[in-house]
């Protein structure tokens, strides 16, 4: 039994390593630091960056391009796969500090990446654990604090508007992360409400069906990305 247990753990670790490598290898382009509207900036993870469809849909509607700092594998804070969202914002400021509007997401990988590597925080539910663990709740609460601090910093820096996209439910093999995603979204919404920044939280739960999520059970198809762009656009358009 010990051998079997260790073999399963090794297989999970290999799969997790493959997942992170796929984020690096397929993670879209690097920063786009010169655009038609340099004062409009996108930050975030692979929901934006992997296909780039959300950015393209928004830019096509605007008839203008925006600066893009999104990176696949990015966590909200810290991380080893890609520059964090905090770092993306710092880099955007360093390039051009005149930032009026930010469209962003972040926080999903802070849950997902550990969950793919043996789930040390207990963010997945199972038949033997019906609820997420206290460690998972603490992880999510930590990201709430990090996000409030980041949004407050944006406000202090003179950013006028933040449009924050939450996360939809993950299907199939990642459906057991639903409780963690729900708590995470709730905390992201609370962070938007409790910051000094002018932050609008967009909740996509219930809007992206399983057939609009790729077979990796994480990323949106083109149809899913269009749904997310449709959610963002009414908030972004008046700010252009």
Protein backbone atom coordinates (compact mmCIF):
# COMPACT_ATOMS: atom_id res chain seq x y z
CA UNK A 1 0.00 0.00 0.00
CA UNK A 2 2.85 2.40 0.76
CA UNK A 3 4.34 1.77 -2.68
CA UNK A 4 1.00 2.44 -4.35
CA UNK A 5 0.50 5.63 -2.34
CA UNK A 6 3.94 6.92 -3.25
CA UNK A 7 3.39 5.99 -6.90
CA UNK A 8 0.14 7.96 -7.00
CA UNK A 9 1.84 10.96 -5.39
CA UNK A 10 4.69 10.78 -7.90
CA UNK A 11 2.23 10.62 -10.80
CA UNK A 12 0.36 13.66 -9.47
CA UNK A 13 3.62 15.56 -9.13
CA UNK A 14 4.56 14.70 -12.72
CA UNK A 15 1.16 15.82 -13.98
CA UNK A 16 1.45 19.04 -12.03
CA UNK A 17 4.92 19.66 -13.47
CA UNK A 18 3.52 19.09 -16.94
CA UNK A 19 0.72 21.55 -16.22
CA UNK A 20 3.13 24.28 -15.17
CA UNK A 21 5.38 23.64 -18.17
CA UNK A 22 2.36 23.94 -20.45
CA UNK A 23 1.61 27.34 -18.94
CA UNK A 24 5.14 28.50 -19.68
CA UNK A 25 5.34 26.98 -23.16
CA UNK A 26 1.85 28.01 -24.31
CA UNK A 27 1.47 31.17 -22.33
CA UNK A 28 0.90 33.67 -25.08
CA UNK A 29 3.24 36.57 -25.72
CA UNK A 30 5.30 38.75 -23.42
CA UNK A 31 4.29 42.20 -22.31
CA UNK A 32 2.81 44.60 -24.88
CA UNK A 33 4.08 47.93 -23.61
CA UNK A 34 3.21 50.25 -26.49
CA UNK A 35 -0.39 50.62 -27.62
CA UNK A 36 -2.88 53.12 -28.97
CA UNK A 37 -4.13 53.73 -25.44
CA UNK A 38 -1.17 53.36 -23.10
CA UNK A 39 -3.25 54.62 -20.17
CA UNK A 40 -5.42 51.48 -20.33
CA UNK A 41 -3.66 48.37 -18.98
CA UNK A 42 -4.59 44.70 -18.64
CA UNK A 43 -3.09 42.57 -15.87
CA UNK A 44 -3.65 38.95 -14.94
CA UNK A 45 -3.21 35.28 -15.73
CA UNK A 46 -3.90 32.74 -18.46
CA UNK A 47 -7.66 33.33 -18.54
CA UNK A 48 -6.60 36.42 -20.47
CA UNK A 49 -3.18 35.45 -21.75
CA UNK A 50 -3.29 31.85 -22.98
CA UNK A 51 -5.32 32.56 -26.11
CA UNK A 52 -5.35 36.35 -25.96
CA UNK A 53 -8.96 36.23 -27.15
CA UNK A 54 -10.44 38.44 -24.43
CA UNK A 55 -7.93 41.19 -25.18
CA UNK A 56 -8.55 40.89 -28.92
CA UNK A 57 -12.33 40.98 -28.54
CA UNK A 58 -12.12 44.11 -26.39
CA UNK A 59 -9.64 45.85 -28.67
CA UNK A 60 -11.68 44.99 -31.78
CA UNK A 61 -14.74 46.61 -30.23
CA UNK A 62 -12.77 49.65 -29.10
CA UNK A 63 -10.94 49.98 -32.41
CA UNK A 64 -7.86 50.64 -30.29
CA UNK A 65 -5.16 48.62 -28.55
CA UNK A 66 -4.27 48.62 -24.82
CA UNK A 67 -1.11 47.77 -22.94
CA UNK A 68 -1.09 44.08 -22.01
CA UNK A 69 0.90 42.66 -19.09
CA UNK A 70 -1.05 39.44 -18.58
CA UNK A 71 0.99 36.24 -18.25
CA UNK A 72 -0.03 32.61 -18.07
CA UNK A 73 0.83 31.04 -14.74
CA UNK A 74 0.76 34.38 -12.91
CA UNK A 75 -0.35 34.32 -9.30
CA UNK A 76 -1.69 37.40 -7.57
CA UNK A 77 1.31 37.55 -5.26
CA UNK A 78 4.64 35.74 -5.50
CA UNK A 79 4.79 32.52 -7.50
CA UNK A 80 7.46 30.77 -9.54
CA UNK A 81 5.80 30.23 -12.93
CA UNK A 82 5.45 33.85 -14.11
CA UNK A 83 5.61 37.42 -12.91
CA UNK A 84 2.85 37.94 -10.36
CA UNK A 85 0.02 40.40 -10.94
CA UNK A 86 1.67 42.64 -8.35
CA UNK A 87 4.89 42.55 -10.41
CA UNK A 88 2.98 43.16 -13.64
CA UNK A 89 1.52 46.33 -12.17
CA UNK A 90 4.93 47.46 -10.95
CA UNK A 91 6.40 46.86 -14.41
CA UNK A 92 3.54 48.75 -16.08
CA UNK A 93 4.13 51.73 -13.79
CA UNK A 94 7.86 51.67 -14.49
CA UNK A 95 7.22 51.81 -18.24
CA UNK A 96 4.56 54.52 -18.11
CA UNK A 97 3.06 55.65 -14.82
CA UNK A 98 0.10 57.36 -16.49
CA UNK A 99 -2.45 54.58 -15.92
CA UNK A 100 -6.13 55.55 -15.85
CA UNK A 101 -7.96 52.23 -16.24
CA UNK A 102 -6.95 48.68 -15.37
CA UNK A 103 -8.77 45.57 -16.59
CA UNK A 104 -7.55 42.55 -14.66
CA UNK A 105 -8.00 39.24 -12.97
CA UNK A 106 -5.81 37.39 -10.48
CA UNK A 107 -5.87 35.01 -7.56
CA UNK A 108 -6.96 31.87 -9.36
CA UNK A 109 -3.49 30.41 -9.73
CA UNK A 110 -2.77 31.02 -6.05
CA UNK A 111 -5.34 28.26 -5.47
CA UNK A 112 -4.94 26.20 -8.64
CA UNK A 113 -1.19 25.70 -8.81
CA UNK A 114 -0.85 24.25 -5.29
CA UNK A 115 -3.98 22.17 -5.90
CA UNK A 116 -2.27 20.62 -8.93
CA UNK A 117 0.77 19.70 -6.79
CA UNK A 118 -0.67 17.25 -4.26
CA UNK A 119 -3.10 19.88 -2.95
CA UNK A 120 -1.16 20.75 0.24
CA UNK A 121 -3.76 23.34 1.34
CA UNK A 122 -6.73 20.99 0.95
CA UNK A 123 -8.61 23.14 -1.55
CA UNK A 124 -10.16 20.17 -3.34
CA UNK A 125 -13.20 18.43 -1.89
CA UNK A 126 -13.52 14.62 -1.95
CA UNK A 127 -15.89 11.97 -0.71
CA UNK A 128 -13.79 11.82 2.46
CA UNK A 129 -13.58 15.65 2.79
CA UNK A 130 -16.77 17.44 1.88
CA UNK A 131 -15.51 20.94 2.70
CA UNK A 132 -12.31 22.81 1.94
CA UNK A 133 -9.79 22.84 4.76
CA UNK A 134 -8.99 25.69 7.12
CA UNK A 135 -5.59 25.93 5.42
CA UNK A 136 -7.33 26.59 2.10
CA UNK A 137 -9.52 29.24 3.72
CA UNK A 138 -6.43 30.89 5.20
CA UNK A 139 -4.73 30.83 1.79
CA UNK A 140 -7.72 32.59 0.23
CA UNK A 141 -7.92 35.11 3.09
CA UNK A 142 -4.24 35.92 2.58
CA UNK A 143 -4.92 36.72 -1.07
CA UNK A 144 -7.83 38.93 -0.03
CA UNK A 145 -5.40 41.00 2.05
CA UNK A 146 -2.88 41.10 -0.80
CA UNK A 147 -5.53 42.25 -3.24
CA UNK A 148 -6.85 45.00 -0.98
CA UNK A 149 -3.29 46.27 -0.55
CA UNK A 150 -2.69 46.17 -4.32
CA UNK A 151 -5.93 47.98 -5.12
CA UNK A 152 -5.20 50.62 -2.48
CA UNK A 153 -1.77 51.12 -4.04
CA UNK A 154 -3.36 51.58 -7.45
CA UNK A 155 -5.67 54.22 -5.98
CA UNK A 156 -2.74 55.98 -4.31
CA UNK A 157 -0.93 55.97 -7.66
CA UNK A 158 -3.83 57.77 -9.34
CA UNK A 159 -5.51 54.91 -11.19
CA UNK A 160 -9.09 56.04 -11.82
CA UNK A 161 -10.84 52.75 -12.50
CA UNK A 162 -10.26 49.03 -11.94
CA UNK A 163 -12.42 46.40 -13.64
CA UNK A 164 -11.80 43.08 -11.88
CA UNK A 165 -12.90 39.84 -13.54
CA UNK A 166 -13.65 36.94 -11.21
CA UNK A 167 -13.54 33.22 -12.01
CA UNK A 168 -16.15 30.87 -13.41
CA UNK A 169 -16.73 27.34 -12.12
CA UNK A 170 -14.18 24.79 -13.33
CA UNK A 171 -15.72 21.66 -14.86
CA UNK A 172 -15.06 17.92 -14.95
CA UNK A 173 -11.75 16.97 -13.30
CA UNK A 174 -11.51 20.33 -11.51
CA UNK A 175 -15.13 20.48 -10.35
CA UNK A 176 -13.96 19.55 -6.85
CA UNK A 177 -12.41 23.04 -6.62
CA UNK A 178 -15.86 24.66 -6.75
CA UNK A 179 -15.98 25.49 -3.03
CA UNK A 180 -12.54 27.09 -3.21
CA UNK A 181 -13.44 29.05 -6.35
CA UNK A 182 -16.69 30.25 -4.77
CA UNK A 183 -14.96 31.44 -1.61
CA UNK A 184 -12.22 33.01 -3.71
CA UNK A 185 -14.73 34.91 -5.84
CA UNK A 186 -16.59 36.07 -2.75
CA UNK A 187 -13.33 37.40 -1.31
CA UNK A 188 -12.35 39.10 -4.60
CA UNK A 189 -15.71 40.87 -4.61
CA UNK A 190 -15.24 41.92 -0.99
CA UNK A 191 -11.76 43.23 -1.78
CA UNK A 192 -13.20 45.39 -4.58
CA UNK A 193 -15.85 46.71 -2.18
CA UNK A 194 -13.44 47.35 0.69
CA UNK A 195 -10.65 49.14 -1.15
CA UNK A 196 -10.25 52.87 -1.62
CA UNK A 197 -9.96 52.27 -5.38
CA UNK A 198 -12.89 52.67 -7.76
CA UNK A 199 -13.14 48.93 -8.35
CA UNK A 200 -15.89 47.06 -10.21
CA UNK A 201 -16.04 43.30 -9.65
CA UNK A 202 -17.49 41.15 -12.44
CA UNK A 203 -18.72 37.72 -11.38
CA UNK A 204 -18.84 35.19 -14.25
CA UNK A 205 -20.15 32.27 -12.20
CA UNK A 206 -22.98 30.52 -14.01
CA UNK A 207 -22.05 32.15 -17.33
CA UNK A 208 -19.41 29.83 -18.80
CA UNK A 209 -20.72 26.28 -19.36
CA UNK A 210 -18.43 23.25 -19.39
CA UNK A 211 -18.50 23.05 -23.19
CA UNK A 212 -17.01 26.56 -23.29
CA UNK A 213 -13.99 25.42 -21.24
CA UNK A 214 -11.06 23.63 -22.86
CA UNK A 215 -10.28 19.98 -22.14
CA UNK A 216 -7.71 21.14 -19.57
CA UNK A 217 -10.75 21.99 -17.38
CA UNK A 218 -9.38 25.49 -16.78
CA UNK A 219 -9.19 27.84 -19.74
CA UNK A 220 -12.02 29.28 -21.81
CA UNK A 221 -12.62 28.36 -25.41
CA UNK A 222 -13.10 31.19 -27.89
CA UNK A 223 -16.82 31.10 -27.02
CA UNK A 224 -16.02 31.29 -23.32
CA UNK A 225 -13.65 34.20 -23.90
CA UNK A 226 -16.36 36.01 -25.86
CA UNK A 227 -18.72 35.61 -22.91
CA UNK A 228 -16.10 37.12 -20.59
CA UNK A 229 -15.41 39.98 -23.01
CA UNK A 230 -19.17 40.61 -23.21
CA UNK A 231 -19.18 40.90 -19.41
CA UNK A 232 -16.27 43.37 -19.37
CA UNK A 233 -17.20 45.55 -22.33
CA UNK A 234 -20.20 47.45 -20.87
CA UNK A 235 -18.00 48.56 -17.96
CA UNK A 236 -14.99 49.40 -20.13
CA UNK A 237 -16.71 51.19 -23.02
CA UNK A 238 -17.78 54.30 -21.05
CA UNK A 239 -14.19 54.74 -19.84
CA UNK A 240 -12.63 54.89 -23.30
